[in-house]
Amino acid sequence: MLDQIHWLAAVTVLGVLEQAYFFLQVIYARRLFGISPPKISGPPEFERIFRAQVNSSEYFPIFLALLWQAGLFFHQGLAAALGLLYLCARYCYFMGYKTSSSERLAPMYFSAGVLWILIAVSALGILHFFLSHYAGLNILHLLTA
């Protein structure tokens, strides 16, 4: 079983580490700009870092659910590769947002595209499972015949 999920687990750990890095960047920015919790407003430089971290955190559970569904029901390697692309795009998003709010746009759209691909792959994998398990239809066999 572990050989079927090890890439998914590795991407998950990388994602958690990335989230930790984003959290640490907010802590550093709070110290740099003298903004004590629970305040969330301050100079634009701080607010951009804070928003980038919050936005990334909001999407992280969605990413994890799709990563694992795509990996378990479709293909672990493809899901892990898409997961790495997503994490790279989120890092670029964070760094771009840190610089300027307009610099976040291209990585934001790219990461959203990766999420849509993960949704499609997950849905296909789950559909294939239901059709083969409950209806006895093997879509892959039908497509290659």
C-alpha atoms as a PDB file:
ATOM      1  CA  MET A   1       0.000   0.000   0.000  1.00  0.00           C
ATOM      2  CA  LEU A   2       2.746   2.489   0.859  1.00  0.00           C
ATOM      3  CA  ASP A   3       4.267   2.142  -2.599  1.00  0.00           C
ATOM      4  CA  GLN A   4       0.956   3.471  -3.946  1.00  0.00           C
ATOM      5  CA  ILE A   5       0.963   6.645  -1.846  1.00  0.00           C
ATOM      6  CA  HIS A   6       4.590   7.573  -1.136  1.00  0.00           C
ATOM      7  CA  TRP A   7       4.714  10.362  -3.753  1.00  0.00           C
ATOM      8  CA  LEU A   8       1.456  11.802  -2.460  1.00  0.00           C
ATOM      9  CA  ALA A   9       2.843  11.741   1.079  1.00  0.00           C
ATOM     10  CA  ALA A  10       6.069  13.443  -0.036  1.00  0.00           C
ATOM     11  CA  VAL A  11       4.180  16.234  -1.825  1.00  0.00           C
ATOM     12  CA  THR A  12       1.962  16.641   1.245  1.00  0.00           C
ATOM     13  CA  VAL A  13       5.007  17.114   3.486  1.00  0.00           C
ATOM     14  CA  LEU A  14       6.469  19.644   1.016  1.00  0.00           C
ATOM     15  CA  GLY A  15       3.158  21.494   1.070  1.00  0.00           C
ATOM     16  CA  VAL A  16       3.131  21.612   4.864  1.00  0.00           C
ATOM     17  CA  LEU A  17       6.709  22.908   4.854  1.00  0.00           C
ATOM     18  CA  GLU A  18       5.736  25.571   2.329  1.00  0.00           C
ATOM     19  CA  GLN A  19       2.836  26.656   4.538  1.00  0.00           C
ATOM     20  CA  ALA A  20       5.224  26.838   7.507  1.00  0.00           C
ATOM     21  CA  TYR A  21       7.563  29.029   5.454  1.00  0.00           C
ATOM     22  CA  PHE A  22       4.663  31.372   4.623  1.00  0.00           C
ATOM     23  CA  PHE A  23       3.701  31.544   8.324  1.00  0.00           C
ATOM     24  CA  LEU A  24       7.291  32.390   9.235  1.00  0.00           C
ATOM     25  CA  GLN A  25       7.337  35.156   6.639  1.00  0.00           C
ATOM     26  CA  VAL A  26       4.329  36.758   8.342  1.00  0.00           C
ATOM     27  CA  ILE A  27       6.038  36.526  11.742  1.00  0.00           C
ATOM     28  CA  TYR A  28       9.167  38.122  10.287  1.00  0.00           C
ATOM     29  CA  ALA A  29       7.078  40.882   8.634  1.00  0.00           C
ATOM     30  CA  ARG A  30       5.259  41.545  11.925  1.00  0.00           C
ATOM     31  CA  ARG A  31       8.602  42.072  13.636  1.00  0.00           C
ATOM     32  CA  LEU A  32      10.001  44.145  10.766  1.00  0.00           C
ATOM     33  CA  PHE A  33       7.016  46.497  10.640  1.00  0.00           C
ATOM     34  CA  GLY A  34       6.202  46.430  14.377  1.00  0.00           C
ATOM     35  CA  ILE A  35       2.728  44.952  13.995  1.00  0.00           C
ATOM     36  CA  SER A  36       1.639  42.910  17.010  1.00  0.00           C
ATOM     37  CA  PRO A  37      -1.092  40.287  16.786  1.00  0.00           C
ATOM     38  CA  PRO A  38      -4.032  40.422  16.462  1.00  0.00           C
ATOM     39  CA  LYS A  39      -3.597  43.470  14.198  1.00  0.00           C
ATOM     40  CA  ILE A  40      -3.687  42.608  10.500  1.00  0.00           C
ATOM     41  CA  SER A  41      -3.280  46.047   9.023  1.00  0.00           C
ATOM     42  CA  GLY A  42      -0.201  48.115   8.517  1.00  0.00           C
ATOM     43  CA  PRO A  43       2.023  49.223   5.672  1.00  0.00           C
ATOM     44  CA  PRO A  44       1.139  47.797   2.239  1.00  0.00           C
ATOM     45  CA  GLU A  45       4.282  45.653   2.343  1.00  0.00           C
ATOM     46  CA  PHE A  46       3.035  43.878   5.465  1.00  0.00           C
ATOM     47  CA  GLU A  47      -0.540  43.566   4.225  1.00  0.00           C
ATOM     48  CA  ARG A  48       0.600  41.933   0.973  1.00  0.00           C
ATOM     49  CA  ILE A  49       2.655  39.329   2.860  1.00  0.00           C
ATOM     50  CA  PHE A  50      -0.204  38.694   5.265  1.00  0.00           C
ATOM     51  CA  ARG A  51      -2.768  38.341   2.457  1.00  0.00           C
ATOM     52  CA  ALA A  52      -0.490  36.024   0.465  1.00  0.00           C
ATOM     53  CA  GLN A  53      -0.149  33.733   3.484  1.00  0.00           C
ATOM     54  CA  VAL A  54      -3.866  33.775   4.280  1.00  0.00           C
ATOM     55  CA  ASN A  55      -4.867  33.173   0.661  1.00  0.00           C
ATOM     56  CA  SER A  56      -2.449  30.254   0.406  1.00  0.00           C
ATOM     57  CA  SER A  57      -3.755  28.783   3.658  1.00  0.00           C
ATOM     58  CA  GLU A  58      -7.353  29.044   2.446  1.00  0.00           C
ATOM     59  CA  TYR A  59      -6.604  26.976  -0.646  1.00  0.00           C
ATOM     60  CA  PHE A  60      -4.381  24.403   1.062  1.00  0.00           C
ATOM     61  CA  PRO A  61      -7.178  22.047   2.261  1.00  0.00           C
ATOM     62  CA  ILE A  62      -8.729  22.091  -1.215  1.00  0.00           C
ATOM     63  CA  PHE A  63      -5.341  21.275  -2.728  1.00  0.00           C
ATOM     64  CA  LEU A  64      -4.732  18.401  -0.292  1.00  0.00           C
ATOM     65  CA  ALA A  65      -8.137  16.827  -0.879  1.00  0.00           C
ATOM     66  CA  LEU A  66      -7.724  16.976  -4.653  1.00  0.00           C
ATOM     67  CA  LEU A  67      -4.126  15.748  -4.540  1.00  0.00           C
ATOM     68  CA  TRP A  68      -5.083  12.623  -2.616  1.00  0.00           C
ATOM     69  CA  GLN A  69      -8.258  11.924  -4.585  1.00  0.00           C
ATOM     70  CA  ALA A  70      -6.430  12.261  -7.903  1.00  0.00           C
ATOM     71  CA  GLY A  71      -3.589  10.100  -6.617  1.00  0.00           C
ATOM     72  CA  LEU A  72      -5.735   7.359  -5.152  1.00  0.00           C
ATOM     73  CA  PHE A  73      -8.386   7.143  -7.863  1.00  0.00           C
ATOM     74  CA  PHE A  74      -6.455   8.132 -11.000  1.00  0.00           C
ATOM     75  CA  HIS A  75      -2.651   7.995 -10.882  1.00  0.00           C
ATOM     76  CA  GLN A  76      -0.229   8.747  -8.063  1.00  0.00           C
ATOM     77  CA  GLY A  77       2.574   9.984 -10.335  1.00  0.00           C
ATOM     78  CA  LEU A  78       0.406  12.414 -12.263  1.00  0.00           C
ATOM     79  CA  ALA A  79      -1.195  13.724  -9.082  1.00  0.00           C
ATOM     80  CA  ALA A  80       2.217  14.198  -7.429  1.00  0.00           C
ATOM     81  CA  ALA A  81       3.571  16.011 -10.502  1.00  0.00           C
ATOM     82  CA  LEU A  82       0.533  18.291 -10.546  1.00  0.00           C
ATOM     83  CA  GLY A  83       0.985  18.792  -6.805  1.00  0.00           C
ATOM     84  CA  LEU A  84       4.573  19.924  -7.311  1.00  0.00           C
ATOM     85  CA  LEU A  85       3.444  22.325 -10.035  1.00  0.00           C
ATOM     86  CA  TYR A  86       0.813  23.718  -7.690  1.00  0.00           C
ATOM     87  CA  LEU A  87       3.300  24.202  -4.848  1.00  0.00           C
ATOM     88  CA  CYS A  88       5.762  25.910  -7.181  1.00  0.00           C
ATOM     89  CA  ALA A  89       2.995  28.207  -8.466  1.00  0.00           C
ATOM     90  CA  ARG A  90       1.943  29.021  -4.900  1.00  0.00           C
ATOM     91  CA  TYR A  91       5.529  29.887  -3.986  1.00  0.00           C
ATOM     92  CA  CYS A  92       5.740  32.180  -7.035  1.00  0.00           C
ATOM     93  CA  TYR A  93       2.379  33.648  -6.037  1.00  0.00           C
ATOM     94  CA  PHE A  94       3.625  34.369  -2.520  1.00  0.00           C
ATOM     95  CA  MET A  95       6.883  35.923  -3.689  1.00  0.00           C
ATOM     96  CA  GLY A  96       5.107  37.941  -6.381  1.00  0.00           C
ATOM     97  CA  TYR A  97       2.472  39.224  -3.970  1.00  0.00           C
ATOM     98  CA  LYS A  98       5.221  40.125  -1.516  1.00  0.00           C
ATOM     99  CA  THR A  99       6.704  42.384  -4.207  1.00  0.00           C
ATOM    100  CA  SER A 100       3.532  43.862  -5.704  1.00  0.00           C
ATOM    101  CA  SER A 101      -0.133  42.925  -5.833  1.00  0.00           C
ATOM    102  CA  SER A 102      -0.018  42.752  -9.646  1.00  0.00           C
ATOM    103  CA  GLU A 103       2.874  40.255  -9.541  1.00  0.00           C
ATOM    104  CA  ARG A 104       0.598  37.669  -7.963  1.00  0.00           C
ATOM    105  CA  LEU A 105      -1.772  37.361 -10.907  1.00  0.00           C
ATOM    106  CA  ALA A 106       0.050  35.005 -13.312  1.00  0.00           C
ATOM    107  CA  PRO A 107       0.988  32.463 -10.595  1.00  0.00           C
ATOM    108  CA  MET A 108      -2.517  32.734  -9.122  1.00  0.00           C
ATOM    109  CA  TYR A 109      -4.129  31.869 -12.459  1.00  0.00           C
ATOM    110  CA  PHE A 110      -1.622  29.074 -13.057  1.00  0.00           C
ATOM    111  CA  SER A 111      -2.238  27.501  -9.637  1.00  0.00           C
ATOM    112  CA  ALA A 112      -6.000  27.765 -10.194  1.00  0.00           C
ATOM    113  CA  GLY A 113      -5.540  25.970 -13.514  1.00  0.00           C
ATOM    114  CA  VAL A 114      -3.644  23.177 -11.796  1.00  0.00           C
ATOM    115  CA  LEU A 115      -6.466  22.846  -9.258  1.00  0.00           C
ATOM    116  CA  TRP A 116      -8.991  22.538 -12.102  1.00  0.00           C
ATOM    117  CA  ILE A 117      -6.884  19.797 -13.679  1.00  0.00           C
ATOM    118  CA  LEU A 118      -6.758  17.999 -10.323  1.00  0.00           C
ATOM    119  CA  ILE A 119     -10.547  18.311 -10.088  1.00  0.00           C
ATOM    120  CA  ALA A 120     -10.959  16.795 -13.558  1.00  0.00           C
ATOM    121  CA  VAL A 121      -8.512  13.966 -12.886  1.00  0.00           C
ATOM    122  CA  SER A 122     -10.158  13.238  -9.529  1.00  0.00           C
ATOM    123  CA  ALA A 123     -13.621  13.190 -11.053  1.00  0.00           C
ATOM    124  CA  LEU A 124     -12.505  10.895 -13.876  1.00  0.00           C
ATOM    125  CA  GLY A 125     -10.837   8.529 -11.439  1.00  0.00           C
ATOM    126  CA  ILE A 126     -13.843   8.405  -9.139  1.00  0.00           C
ATOM    127  CA  LEU A 127     -16.236   7.984 -12.081  1.00  0.00           C
ATOM    128  CA  HIS A 128     -14.123   5.111 -13.409  1.00  0.00           C
ATOM    129  CA  PHE A 129     -14.148   3.469  -9.981  1.00  0.00           C
ATOM    130  CA  PHE A 130     -17.930   3.705  -9.629  1.00  0.00           C
ATOM    131  CA  LEU A 131     -18.598   2.471 -13.166  1.00  0.00           C
ATOM    132  CA  SER A 132     -16.193  -0.449 -12.882  1.00  0.00           C
ATOM    133  CA  HIS A 133     -17.090  -1.384  -9.317  1.00  0.00           C
ATOM    134  CA  TYR A 134     -20.873  -0.988  -9.423  1.00  0.00           C
ATOM    135  CA  ALA A 135     -21.785  -1.250 -13.114  1.00  0.00           C
ATOM    136  CA  GLY A 136     -19.068  -3.593 -14.321  1.00  0.00           C
ATOM    137  CA  LEU A 137     -17.962  -1.133 -17.003  1.00  0.00           C
ATOM    138  CA  ASN A 138     -14.240  -0.694 -17.532  1.00  0.00           C
ATOM    139  CA  ILE A 139     -13.891   2.625 -19.356  1.00  0.00           C
ATOM    140  CA  LEU A 140     -10.196   2.124 -20.008  1.00  0.00           C
ATOM    141  CA  HIS A 141     -10.851  -1.252 -21.587  1.00  0.00           C
ATOM    142  CA  LEU A 142     -13.643   0.188 -23.720  1.00  0.00           C
ATOM    143  CA  LEU A 143     -11.461   3.089 -24.897  1.00  0.00           C
ATOM    144  CA  THR A 144      -8.551   0.861 -25.911  1.00  0.00           C
ATOM    145  CA  ALA A 145     -10.735  -1.743 -27.656  1.00  0.00           C
END
